[in-house]
N, C-alpha and C. Protein backbone atom coordinates (compact mmCIF):
# COMPACT_ATOMS: atom_id res chain seq x y z
N GLY A 1 -1.83 -44.94 40.18
CA GLY A 1 -2.52 -44.24 39.43
C GLY A 1 -3.69 -43.83 40.10
N VAL A 2 -3.21 -43.33 41.34
CA VAL A 2 -4.02 -42.03 42.13
C VAL A 2 -3.61 -40.80 41.06
N ASN A 3 -1.90 -41.72 41.25
CA ASN A 3 -1.28 -40.20 40.88
C ASN A 3 -1.35 -39.69 39.95
N THR A 4 -1.45 -40.82 38.65
CA THR A 4 -1.56 -40.04 37.46
C THR A 4 -2.35 -38.96 37.11
N ALA A 5 -3.94 -39.98 37.92
CA ALA A 5 -5.27 -39.35 37.14
C ALA A 5 -5.00 -37.91 38.80
N SER A 6 -3.91 -37.80 39.19
CA SER A 6 -3.49 -36.05 39.89
C SER A 6 -2.82 -35.65 39.50
N ASN A 7 -1.90 -35.84 38.30
CA ASN A 7 -0.88 -35.19 37.16
C ASN A 7 -1.90 -34.61 36.41
N ILE A 8 -2.68 -35.78 35.53
CA ILE A 8 -3.17 -35.47 34.36
C ILE A 8 -4.37 -33.40 34.73
N SER A 9 -4.75 -34.10 36.04
CA SER A 9 -5.38 -32.68 36.56
C SER A 9 -4.19 -31.41 36.37
N ASN A 10 -3.19 -31.87 37.17
CA ASN A 10 -2.40 -30.02 37.06
C ASN A 10 -2.50 -29.96 35.90
N LEU A 11 -2.36 -31.02 35.35
CA LEU A 11 -1.46 -30.43 33.66
C LEU A 11 -2.84 -30.18 33.20
N LEU A 12 -4.25 -30.57 33.26
CA LEU A 12 -5.93 -29.71 32.06
C LEU A 12 -4.73 -28.60 33.33
N GLY A 13 -4.89 -28.70 34.36
CA GLY A 13 -4.93 -27.07 35.54
C GLY A 13 -3.86 -25.60 34.46
N ASN A 14 -2.67 -26.72 34.62
CA ASN A 14 -1.66 -25.28 34.03
C ASN A 14 -2.11 -25.54 32.63
N ILE A 15 -2.83 -25.91 31.68
CA ILE A 15 -3.28 -25.49 30.33
C ILE A 15 -4.40 -24.68 30.15
N GLY A 16 -4.95 -24.90 31.37
CA GLY A 16 -6.19 -23.24 31.69
C GLY A 16 -5.51 -21.98 32.37
N GLU A 17 -4.79 -22.51 32.78
CA GLU A 17 -4.49 -20.41 33.52
C GLU A 17 -3.41 -20.10 31.87
N ALA A 18 -2.56 -21.42 31.28
CA ALA A 18 -2.03 -20.68 29.57
C ALA A 18 -2.62 -20.34 29.11
N LYS A 19 -4.26 -21.04 28.89
CA LYS A 19 -4.85 -19.48 27.91
C LYS A 19 -5.49 -19.12 28.03
N GLY A 20 -5.84 -18.97 29.66
CA GLY A 20 -6.86 -17.68 30.21
C GLY A 20 -5.86 -16.68 30.44
N ALA A 21 -4.31 -16.71 30.44
CA ALA A 21 -3.61 -16.12 30.31
C ALA A 21 -3.07 -15.13 29.14
N GLY A 22 -3.22 -16.20 27.57
CA GLY A 22 -3.18 -15.40 26.30
C GLY A 22 -1.68 -16.21 25.82
N PHE A 23 -1.50 -17.29 26.90
CA PHE A 23 0.39 -17.52 26.14
C PHE A 23 -0.60 -19.15 25.67
N LYS A 24 -0.33 -18.79 24.37
CA LYS A 24 -1.03 -19.05 23.08
C LYS A 24 -0.54 -20.95 23.19
N GLY A 25 1.41 -20.36 22.85
CA GLY A 25 2.44 -21.24 22.22
C GLY A 25 1.87 -21.89 23.19
N ALA A 26 2.82 -21.23 24.80
CA ALA A 26 3.34 -22.29 25.81
C ALA A 26 1.56 -23.33 25.94
N ALA A 27 -0.21 -23.19 26.32
CA ALA A 27 -0.75 -24.01 26.00
C ALA A 27 -0.45 -24.62 24.80
N ASP A 28 -0.27 -23.87 23.91
CA ASP A 28 -0.23 -25.39 22.58
C ASP A 28 1.00 -26.44 23.19
N ALA A 29 1.67 -26.23 23.42
CA ALA A 29 3.02 -27.50 24.26
C ALA A 29 2.40 -27.61 24.95
N ARG A 30 1.80 -27.42 26.04
CA ARG A 30 0.99 -28.40 27.33
C ARG A 30 0.42 -29.78 26.78
N LEU A 31 -0.56 -28.86 26.10
CA LEU A 31 -1.95 -30.11 25.05
C LEU A 31 -0.97 -30.94 24.38
N ALA A 32 0.51 -30.41 23.34
CA ALA A 32 0.74 -31.72 22.94
C ALA A 32 1.67 -32.60 23.90
N GLY A 33 2.23 -32.41 25.26
CA GLY A 33 2.53 -32.45 26.15
C GLY A 33 1.31 -33.65 26.80
N ALA A 34 -0.02 -33.55 27.20
CA ALA A 34 -0.68 -34.32 27.20
C ALA A 34 -1.62 -35.17 26.28
N GLN A 35 -1.31 -35.07 25.04
CA GLN A 35 -1.64 -35.79 24.09
C GLN A 35 -0.88 -37.10 24.22
N ASN A 36 1.06 -36.81 24.20
CA ASN A 36 2.12 -38.49 24.36
C ASN A 36 1.75 -38.83 26.22
N ILE A 37 1.03 -38.12 27.13
CA ILE A 37 1.34 -38.99 28.04
C ILE A 37 0.15 -39.66 27.58
N LEU A 38 -1.54 -39.01 27.28
CA LEU A 38 -2.02 -39.98 27.40
C LEU A 38 -2.26 -41.16 26.42
N SER A 39 -0.96 -40.84 25.76
CA SER A 39 -0.71 -41.76 24.54
C SER A 39 -0.36 -42.82 24.97
N GLY A 40 0.50 -42.28 26.27
CA GLY A 40 1.40 -43.54 27.12
C GLY A 40 0.96 -44.56 27.39
N ILE A 41 -0.49 -43.79 28.75
CA ILE A 41 -1.76 -44.44 29.10
C ILE A 41 -2.42 -45.56 28.35
N SER A 42 -2.70 -44.95 27.00
CA SER A 42 -3.18 -45.65 26.23
C SER A 42 -2.74 -47.31 26.09
N SER A 43 -1.51 -46.88 25.29
CA SER A 43 -0.48 -47.76 25.08
C SER A 43 -0.12 -49.08 25.66
N ALA A 44 0.14 -47.96 27.88
CA ALA A 44 0.88 -49.21 28.74
C ALA A 44 -0.67 -49.84 29.44
N ALA A 45 -1.97 -49.14 29.68
CA ALA A 45 -2.79 -50.39 30.05
C ALA A 45 -3.60 -51.00 28.62
N GLY A 46 -3.81 -50.37 26.88
CA GLY A 46 -3.98 -51.91 26.39
C GLY A 46 -3.21 -53.18 26.60
N ALA A 47 -1.76 -52.60 26.77
CA ALA A 47 -0.96 -54.12 26.90
C ALA A 47 -1.57 -54.10 27.77
N ALA A 48 -1.33 -54.28 28.17
CA ALA A 48 -2.12 -54.47 29.88
C ALA A 48 -3.48 -55.01 30.33
N GLY A 49 -4.05 -55.03 29.45
CA GLY A 49 -5.68 -55.78 28.74
C GLY A 49 -6.87 -55.26 28.25
N GLY A 50 -6.69 -54.42 27.10
CA GLY A 50 -7.85 -53.23 26.55
C GLY A 50 -7.94 -52.40 27.37
N PHE A 51 -8.39 -51.43 26.33
CA PHE A 51 -8.25 -49.66 27.28
C PHE A 51 -8.78 -49.27 25.96
N THR A 52 -9.76 -48.20 26.03
CA THR A 52 -10.53 -47.02 25.21
C THR A 52 -9.81 -46.09 25.37
N PRO A 53 -8.79 -45.97 23.98
CA PRO A 53 -8.24 -43.85 24.68
C PRO A 53 -9.13 -43.20 25.05
N PRO A 54 -9.16 -41.99 24.80
CA PRO A 54 -10.15 -40.81 24.49
C PRO A 54 -9.25 -40.48 22.82
N PRO A 55 -10.99 -39.39 22.28
CA PRO A 55 -10.30 -39.09 21.12
C PRO A 55 -9.20 -38.07 21.22
N PRO A 56 -8.85 -37.78 20.30
CA PRO A 56 -7.42 -36.84 20.31
C PRO A 56 -7.70 -35.77 19.56
N ASN A 57 -8.48 -35.78 20.30
CA ASN A 57 -9.39 -33.31 20.23
C ASN A 57 -8.58 -32.75 21.18
N LEU A 58 -7.27 -32.73 21.26
CA LEU A 58 -6.98 -31.94 22.93
C LEU A 58 -7.01 -30.55 21.95
N LEU A 59 -6.26 -30.40 20.74
CA LEU A 59 -6.01 -28.93 20.60
C LEU A 59 -7.14 -28.05 19.60
N GLY A 60 -8.38 -29.49 19.52
CA GLY A 60 -9.84 -29.22 18.48
C GLY A 60 -10.60 -28.34 19.00
N GLY A 61 -10.90 -27.97 19.87
CA GLY A 61 -11.61 -27.63 21.28
C GLY A 61 -12.77 -28.52 21.94
N GLY A 62 -12.47 -28.15 23.33
CA GLY A 62 -12.85 -28.83 24.35
C GLY A 62 -12.61 -30.16 24.73
N LEU A 63 -12.41 -30.66 25.93
CA LEU A 63 -11.62 -32.00 26.21
C LEU A 63 -12.58 -33.46 26.16
N PRO A 64 -11.94 -34.17 25.66
CA PRO A 64 -12.86 -35.56 25.94
C PRO A 64 -13.52 -35.57 27.16
N THR A 65 -14.62 -35.68 27.16
CA THR A 65 -15.38 -36.43 29.10
C THR A 65 -14.11 -36.63 29.70
N ASP A 66 -13.16 -38.23 29.69
CA ASP A 66 -12.49 -38.76 30.19
C ASP A 66 -11.70 -37.81 30.78
N LEU A 67 -11.10 -36.78 30.04
CA LEU A 67 -10.20 -35.61 30.57
C LEU A 67 -10.71 -34.60 31.46
N LYS A 68 -11.91 -34.58 31.40
CA LYS A 68 -12.86 -33.78 32.99
C LYS A 68 -13.09 -34.06 33.47
N ASN A 69 -12.67 -35.84 33.49
CA ASN A 69 -13.16 -37.06 35.24
C ASN A 69 -11.87 -37.45 34.79
N PRO A 70 -10.10 -36.71 34.82
CA PRO A 70 -9.52 -37.69 34.72
C PRO A 70 -9.82 -38.83 35.66
N GLY A 71 -10.13 -39.01 37.15
CA GLY A 71 -10.55 -41.26 37.15
C GLY A 71 -10.54 -41.28 36.52
N ALA A 72 -12.08 -40.69 35.48
CA ALA A 72 -12.36 -41.93 34.52
C ALA A 72 -11.38 -42.85 33.64
N LEU A 73 -10.17 -42.07 33.92
CA LEU A 73 -9.33 -43.20 32.94
C LEU A 73 -8.62 -44.22 33.54
N LEU A 74 -8.93 -44.05 34.42
CA LEU A 74 -8.40 -45.66 35.87
C LEU A 74 -9.21 -46.29 35.65
N ALA A 75 -10.61 -45.46 35.16
CA ALA A 75 -12.10 -47.19 35.88
C ALA A 75 -11.83 -48.13 35.08
């Protein structure tokens, strides 16, 4: 579980770096990847017994609270 939180945190850091550098295409690709990862976590955790996925607004503007604190995904 700790590795998952760390991986998500690293991924979000990479997204921030890509956006800050102006590589919008790269940032969008990373965001899409993050959505896929979260979808997989949601499916697996849901099958294991209940999980409320974060809102799918990664491409919207502003990350869901759960993503600002990746550890919350594992709570």
